[in-house]
Amino acid sequence: MDIEKVNSMDFGEFVDVFGNVIERCPLIAAAVWSKRPFSGLGDLEKHFFAFIDGLPLSGQEGVLRCHPELAGRQLQCGRLTAESQREQSAAGLQNLGAAERLRFTELTAQYRTRFGFPFVLAVRLSDPAAAPRELARRLRCPPAQELRTALGEVKKICHLRLADLLGEQP
């Protein structure tokens, strides 16, 4: 779809189409709709990013809590959003061996306990084998730094999803 189509969408259609570019946060899309017209992909994502950046700490943590665990039960049970299902499956996270899955589960539990939100990684930009190493590395980060890193990953995911919707190269 082109940017003219995006700019001509009514509120409901915009939220339906863009409501999950930030995982399970259609209220962000609802707020961004009022910023029309958009000049292109960069302008559209700028408004999504500005909304996230403008949230208080509790709101930013809430955005992170809307993300599913990577390679978690929701993936195994097919309860992810369509976008997350495609991303995690394409990254090979559905095909982890038993030992890999157990190690990943242990690390994600440690991460959630330490930071209070799930480990977020733009898996489309990552080698599946690198995800556990990245998780182990990020477990050692100070909480404020990890919050910034995790929000950066949310923005990468948003960029990729917006590029998909607009038919542009990420």
C-alpha atoms as a PDB file:
ATOM      1  CA  MET A   1       0.000   0.000   0.000  1.00  0.00           C
ATOM      2  CA  ASP A   2       1.220   3.499  -0.665  1.00  0.00           C
ATOM      3  CA  ILE A   3       1.347   6.454   1.709  1.00  0.00           C
ATOM      4  CA  GLU A   4      -1.647   8.120   0.042  1.00  0.00           C
ATOM      5  CA  LYS A   5      -3.737   5.071   0.982  1.00  0.00           C
ATOM      6  CA  VAL A   6      -2.418   5.287   4.558  1.00  0.00           C
ATOM      7  CA  ASN A   7      -3.295   8.994   4.750  1.00  0.00           C
ATOM      8  CA  SER A   8      -6.815   8.370   3.453  1.00  0.00           C
ATOM      9  CA  MET A   9      -7.647   5.669   6.020  1.00  0.00           C
ATOM     10  CA  ASP A  10     -10.335   6.414   8.548  1.00  0.00           C
ATOM     11  CA  PHE A  11      -9.541   5.879  12.216  1.00  0.00           C
ATOM     12  CA  GLY A  12     -10.878   2.326  12.477  1.00  0.00           C
ATOM     13  CA  GLU A  13      -9.131   1.112   9.342  1.00  0.00           C
ATOM     14  CA  PHE A  14      -5.827   2.686  10.418  1.00  0.00           C
ATOM     15  CA  VAL A  15      -5.972   1.015  13.835  1.00  0.00           C
ATOM     16  CA  ASP A  16      -6.938  -2.324  12.234  1.00  0.00           C
ATOM     17  CA  VAL A  17      -3.984  -2.172   9.839  1.00  0.00           C
ATOM     18  CA  PHE A  18      -1.327  -0.617  12.098  1.00  0.00           C
ATOM     19  CA  GLY A  19      -2.549  -1.725  15.524  1.00  0.00           C
ATOM     20  CA  ASN A  20       0.117  -4.395  15.914  1.00  0.00           C
ATOM     21  CA  VAL A  21       3.221  -2.713  14.520  1.00  0.00           C
ATOM     22  CA  ILE A  22       4.000  -2.205  18.198  1.00  0.00           C
ATOM     23  CA  GLU A  23       3.090  -5.634  19.569  1.00  0.00           C
ATOM     24  CA  ARG A  24      -0.421  -5.675  21.080  1.00  0.00           C
ATOM     25  CA  CYS A  25      -0.500  -1.868  21.402  1.00  0.00           C
ATOM     26  CA  PRO A  26      -3.322  -0.633  19.160  1.00  0.00           C
ATOM     27  CA  LEU A  27      -3.658   2.465  21.337  1.00  0.00           C
ATOM     28  CA  ILE A  28      -0.326   3.681  19.959  1.00  0.00           C
ATOM     29  CA  ALA A  29      -1.666   3.359  16.409  1.00  0.00           C
ATOM     30  CA  ALA A  30      -4.802   5.193  17.537  1.00  0.00           C
ATOM     31  CA  ALA A  31      -2.690   8.096  18.776  1.00  0.00           C
ATOM     32  CA  VAL A  32      -0.473   8.121  15.677  1.00  0.00           C
ATOM     33  CA  TRP A  33      -3.508   8.327  13.349  1.00  0.00           C
ATOM     34  CA  SER A  34      -4.065  11.938  14.429  1.00  0.00           C
ATOM     35  CA  LYS A  35      -0.614  12.897  13.112  1.00  0.00           C
ATOM     36  CA  ARG A  36      -1.673  12.444   9.444  1.00  0.00           C
ATOM     37  CA  PRO A  37      -0.730  13.211   6.776  1.00  0.00           C
ATOM     38  CA  PHE A  38       2.500  11.229   6.667  1.00  0.00           C
ATOM     39  CA  SER A  39       5.126  11.919   4.013  1.00  0.00           C
ATOM     40  CA  GLY A  40       6.396   8.328   3.918  1.00  0.00           C
ATOM     41  CA  LEU A  41       7.610   5.358   5.906  1.00  0.00           C
ATOM     42  CA  GLY A  42      10.206   7.391   7.818  1.00  0.00           C
ATOM     43  CA  ASP A  43       7.666   9.987   8.863  1.00  0.00           C
ATOM     44  CA  LEU A  44       5.151   7.347   9.949  1.00  0.00           C
ATOM     45  CA  GLU A  45       7.678   5.457  12.041  1.00  0.00           C
ATOM     46  CA  LYS A  46       8.948   8.735  13.532  1.00  0.00           C
ATOM     47  CA  HIS A  47       5.494   9.235  15.072  1.00  0.00           C
ATOM     48  CA  PHE A  48       5.361   5.691  16.458  1.00  0.00           C
ATOM     49  CA  PHE A  49       8.836   6.125  17.950  1.00  0.00           C
ATOM     50  CA  ALA A  50       8.016   9.548  19.398  1.00  0.00           C
ATOM     51  CA  PHE A  51       4.966   8.126  21.129  1.00  0.00           C
ATOM     52  CA  ILE A  52       7.064   5.401  22.781  1.00  0.00           C
ATOM     53  CA  ASP A  53       9.790   7.869  23.731  1.00  0.00           C
ATOM     54  CA  GLY A  54       7.188  10.181  25.277  1.00  0.00           C
ATOM     55  CA  LEU A  55       5.788   7.526  27.588  1.00  0.00           C
ATOM     56  CA  PRO A  56       6.732   7.516  31.251  1.00  0.00           C
ATOM     57  CA  LEU A  57       8.972   4.667  32.396  1.00  0.00           C
ATOM     58  CA  SER A  58       5.966   2.571  33.462  1.00  0.00           C
ATOM     59  CA  GLY A  59       4.407   2.972  30.014  1.00  0.00           C
ATOM     60  CA  GLN A  60       7.627   1.994  28.254  1.00  0.00           C
ATOM     61  CA  GLU A  61       7.890  -1.089  30.444  1.00  0.00           C
ATOM     62  CA  GLY A  62       4.237  -1.812  29.618  1.00  0.00           C
ATOM     63  CA  VAL A  63       5.032  -1.740  25.892  1.00  0.00           C
ATOM     64  CA  LEU A  64       7.770  -4.298  26.520  1.00  0.00           C
ATOM     65  CA  ARG A  65       5.433  -6.494  28.578  1.00  0.00           C
ATOM     66  CA  CYS A  66       3.105  -6.748  25.575  1.00  0.00           C
ATOM     67  CA  HIS A  67       5.748  -8.767  23.739  1.00  0.00           C
ATOM     68  CA  PRO A  68       5.677 -12.560  23.941  1.00  0.00           C
ATOM     69  CA  GLU A  69       8.545 -14.679  25.183  1.00  0.00           C
ATOM     70  CA  LEU A  70      10.795 -15.747  22.323  1.00  0.00           C
ATOM     71  CA  ALA A  71      10.471 -19.489  21.690  1.00  0.00           C
ATOM     72  CA  GLY A  72       7.981 -19.627  24.568  1.00  0.00           C
ATOM     73  CA  ARG A  73       4.724 -21.452  25.207  1.00  0.00           C
ATOM     74  CA  GLN A  74       2.710 -19.042  23.068  1.00  0.00           C
ATOM     75  CA  LEU A  75       4.822 -20.011  20.047  1.00  0.00           C
ATOM     76  CA  GLN A  76       4.512 -23.707  20.783  1.00  0.00           C
ATOM     77  CA  CYS A  77       0.729 -23.430  21.283  1.00  0.00           C
ATOM     78  CA  GLY A  78       0.131 -21.136  18.305  1.00  0.00           C
ATOM     79  CA  ARG A  79      -1.174 -18.229  20.418  1.00  0.00           C
ATOM     80  CA  LEU A  80       1.096 -15.502  19.049  1.00  0.00           C
ATOM     81  CA  THR A  81      -0.084 -12.609  16.939  1.00  0.00           C
ATOM     82  CA  ALA A  82       0.238 -13.368  13.224  1.00  0.00           C
ATOM     83  CA  GLU A  83       3.247 -11.046  12.968  1.00  0.00           C
ATOM     84  CA  SER A  84       5.105 -12.618  15.896  1.00  0.00           C
ATOM     85  CA  GLN A  85       4.287 -16.114  14.648  1.00  0.00           C
ATOM     86  CA  ARG A  86       5.813 -15.324  11.242  1.00  0.00           C
ATOM     87  CA  GLU A  87       8.874 -13.653  12.758  1.00  0.00           C
ATOM     88  CA  GLN A  88       9.655 -16.346  15.320  1.00  0.00           C
ATOM     89  CA  SER A  89       8.970 -19.202  12.907  1.00  0.00           C
ATOM     90  CA  ALA A  90      11.098 -17.637  10.163  1.00  0.00           C
ATOM     91  CA  ALA A  91      13.923 -17.248  12.689  1.00  0.00           C
ATOM     92  CA  GLY A  92      13.765 -20.976  13.408  1.00  0.00           C
ATOM     93  CA  LEU A  93      12.676 -20.560  17.014  1.00  0.00           C
ATOM     94  CA  GLN A  94       9.885 -23.088  16.539  1.00  0.00           C
ATOM     95  CA  ASN A  95      12.480 -25.718  15.578  1.00  0.00           C
ATOM     96  CA  LEU A  96      14.817 -25.521  18.548  1.00  0.00           C
ATOM     97  CA  GLY A  97      15.979 -28.845  19.898  1.00  0.00           C
ATOM     98  CA  ALA A  98      14.987 -29.891  23.409  1.00  0.00           C
ATOM     99  CA  ALA A  99      18.289 -28.815  24.971  1.00  0.00           C
ATOM    100  CA  GLU A 100      18.268 -25.477  23.120  1.00  0.00           C
ATOM    101  CA  ARG A 101      14.663 -24.810  24.127  1.00  0.00           C
ATOM    102  CA  LEU A 102      15.394 -25.661  27.781  1.00  0.00           C
ATOM    103  CA  ARG A 103      18.425 -23.336  27.849  1.00  0.00           C
ATOM    104  CA  PHE A 104      16.453 -20.553  26.156  1.00  0.00           C
ATOM    105  CA  THR A 105      13.558 -21.026  28.615  1.00  0.00           C
ATOM    106  CA  GLU A 106      15.941 -20.823  31.581  1.00  0.00           C
ATOM    107  CA  LEU A 107      17.598 -17.670  30.251  1.00  0.00           C
ATOM    108  CA  THR A 108      14.294 -15.951  29.449  1.00  0.00           C
ATOM    109  CA  ALA A 109      13.012 -16.723  32.951  1.00  0.00           C
ATOM    110  CA  GLN A 110      16.154 -15.189  34.457  1.00  0.00           C
ATOM    111  CA  TYR A 111      15.775 -12.175  32.203  1.00  0.00           C
ATOM    112  CA  ARG A 112      12.119 -11.607  33.139  1.00  0.00           C
ATOM    113  CA  THR A 113      12.961 -11.930  36.835  1.00  0.00           C
ATOM    114  CA  ARG A 114      15.847  -9.456  36.537  1.00  0.00           C
ATOM    115  CA  PHE A 115      14.145  -6.827  34.369  1.00  0.00           C
ATOM    116  CA  GLY A 116      10.387  -7.353  34.812  1.00  0.00           C
ATOM    117  CA  PHE A 117       9.618  -7.693  31.097  1.00  0.00           C
ATOM    118  CA  PRO A 118      10.313 -10.306  28.426  1.00  0.00           C
ATOM    119  CA  PHE A 119      13.477 -10.417  26.335  1.00  0.00           C
ATOM    120  CA  VAL A 120      12.744  -8.537  23.094  1.00  0.00           C
ATOM    121  CA  LEU A 121      14.870  -9.071  20.013  1.00  0.00           C
ATOM    122  CA  ALA A 122      14.172  -8.233  16.379  1.00  0.00           C
ATOM    123  CA  VAL A 123      14.704 -11.859  15.354  1.00  0.00           C
ATOM    124  CA  ARG A 124      14.326 -11.050  11.661  1.00  0.00           C
ATOM    125  CA  LEU A 125      17.620  -9.194  11.912  1.00  0.00           C
ATOM    126  CA  SER A 126      19.346 -11.870  13.950  1.00  0.00           C
ATOM    127  CA  ASP A 127      20.805 -15.297  13.383  1.00  0.00           C
ATOM    128  CA  PRO A 128      18.732 -17.826  15.386  1.00  0.00           C
ATOM    129  CA  ALA A 129      21.891 -19.217  16.945  1.00  0.00           C
ATOM    130  CA  ALA A 130      22.812 -15.720  18.125  1.00  0.00           C
ATOM    131  CA  ALA A 131      19.590 -15.167  20.109  1.00  0.00           C
ATOM    132  CA  PRO A 132      20.656 -17.198  23.189  1.00  0.00           C
ATOM    133  CA  ARG A 133      24.100 -15.531  23.180  1.00  0.00           C
ATOM    134  CA  GLU A 134      22.487 -12.093  22.926  1.00  0.00           C
ATOM    135  CA  LEU A 135      20.094 -12.975  25.741  1.00  0.00           C
ATOM    136  CA  ALA A 136      22.967 -14.132  27.968  1.00  0.00           C
ATOM    137  CA  ARG A 137      24.926 -10.951  27.153  1.00  0.00           C
ATOM    138  CA  ARG A 138      22.003  -8.647  27.861  1.00  0.00           C
ATOM    139  CA  LEU A 139      21.290 -10.357  31.190  1.00  0.00           C
ATOM    140  CA  ARG A 140      24.503  -8.698  32.453  1.00  0.00           C
ATOM    141  CA  CYS A 141      23.423  -5.162  31.470  1.00  0.00           C
ATOM    142  CA  PRO A 142      22.310  -2.560  34.002  1.00  0.00           C
ATOM    143  CA  PRO A 143      18.492  -2.211  34.056  1.00  0.00           C
ATOM    144  CA  ALA A 144      18.380   1.327  32.595  1.00  0.00           C
ATOM    145  CA  GLN A 145      20.647   0.317  29.728  1.00  0.00           C
ATOM    146  CA  GLU A 146      18.622  -2.827  29.064  1.00  0.00           C
ATOM    147  CA  LEU A 147      15.377  -0.861  28.981  1.00  0.00           C
ATOM    148  CA  ARG A 148      16.869   1.362  26.255  1.00  0.00           C
ATOM    149  CA  THR A 149      18.166  -1.668  24.357  1.00  0.00           C
ATOM    150  CA  ALA A 150      14.824  -3.492  24.548  1.00  0.00           C
ATOM    151  CA  LEU A 151      12.944  -0.382  23.363  1.00  0.00           C
ATOM    152  CA  GLY A 152      15.413  -0.119  20.497  1.00  0.00           C
ATOM    153  CA  GLU A 153      14.488  -3.667  19.520  1.00  0.00           C
ATOM    154  CA  VAL A 154      10.790  -2.739  19.658  1.00  0.00           C
ATOM    155  CA  LYS A 155      11.540   0.100  17.254  1.00  0.00           C
ATOM    156  CA  LYS A 156      13.405  -2.242  14.895  1.00  0.00           C
ATOM    157  CA  ILE A 157      10.403  -4.584  14.894  1.00  0.00           C
ATOM    158  CA  CYS A 158       8.094  -1.622  14.269  1.00  0.00           C
ATOM    159  CA  HIS A 159      10.238  -0.484  11.344  1.00  0.00           C
ATOM    160  CA  LEU A 160      10.175  -3.943   9.765  1.00  0.00           C
ATOM    161  CA  ARG A 161       6.423  -4.306  10.198  1.00  0.00           C
ATOM    162  CA  LEU A 162       5.741  -0.848   8.766  1.00  0.00           C
ATOM    163  CA  ALA A 163       8.013  -1.577   5.798  1.00  0.00           C
ATOM    164  CA  ASP A 164       6.110  -4.832   5.207  1.00  0.00           C
ATOM    165  CA  LEU A 165       2.757  -3.017   5.251  1.00  0.00           C
ATOM    166  CA  LEU A 166       3.973  -0.306   2.891  1.00  0.00           C
ATOM    167  CA  GLY A 167       5.717  -2.786   0.612  1.00  0.00           C
ATOM    168  CA  GLU A 168       9.107  -1.122   1.089  1.00  0.00           C
ATOM    169  CA  GLN A 169      12.502  -2.631   1.680  1.00  0.00           C
ATOM    170  CA  PRO A 170      13.381  -2.479   5.383  1.00  0.00           C
END
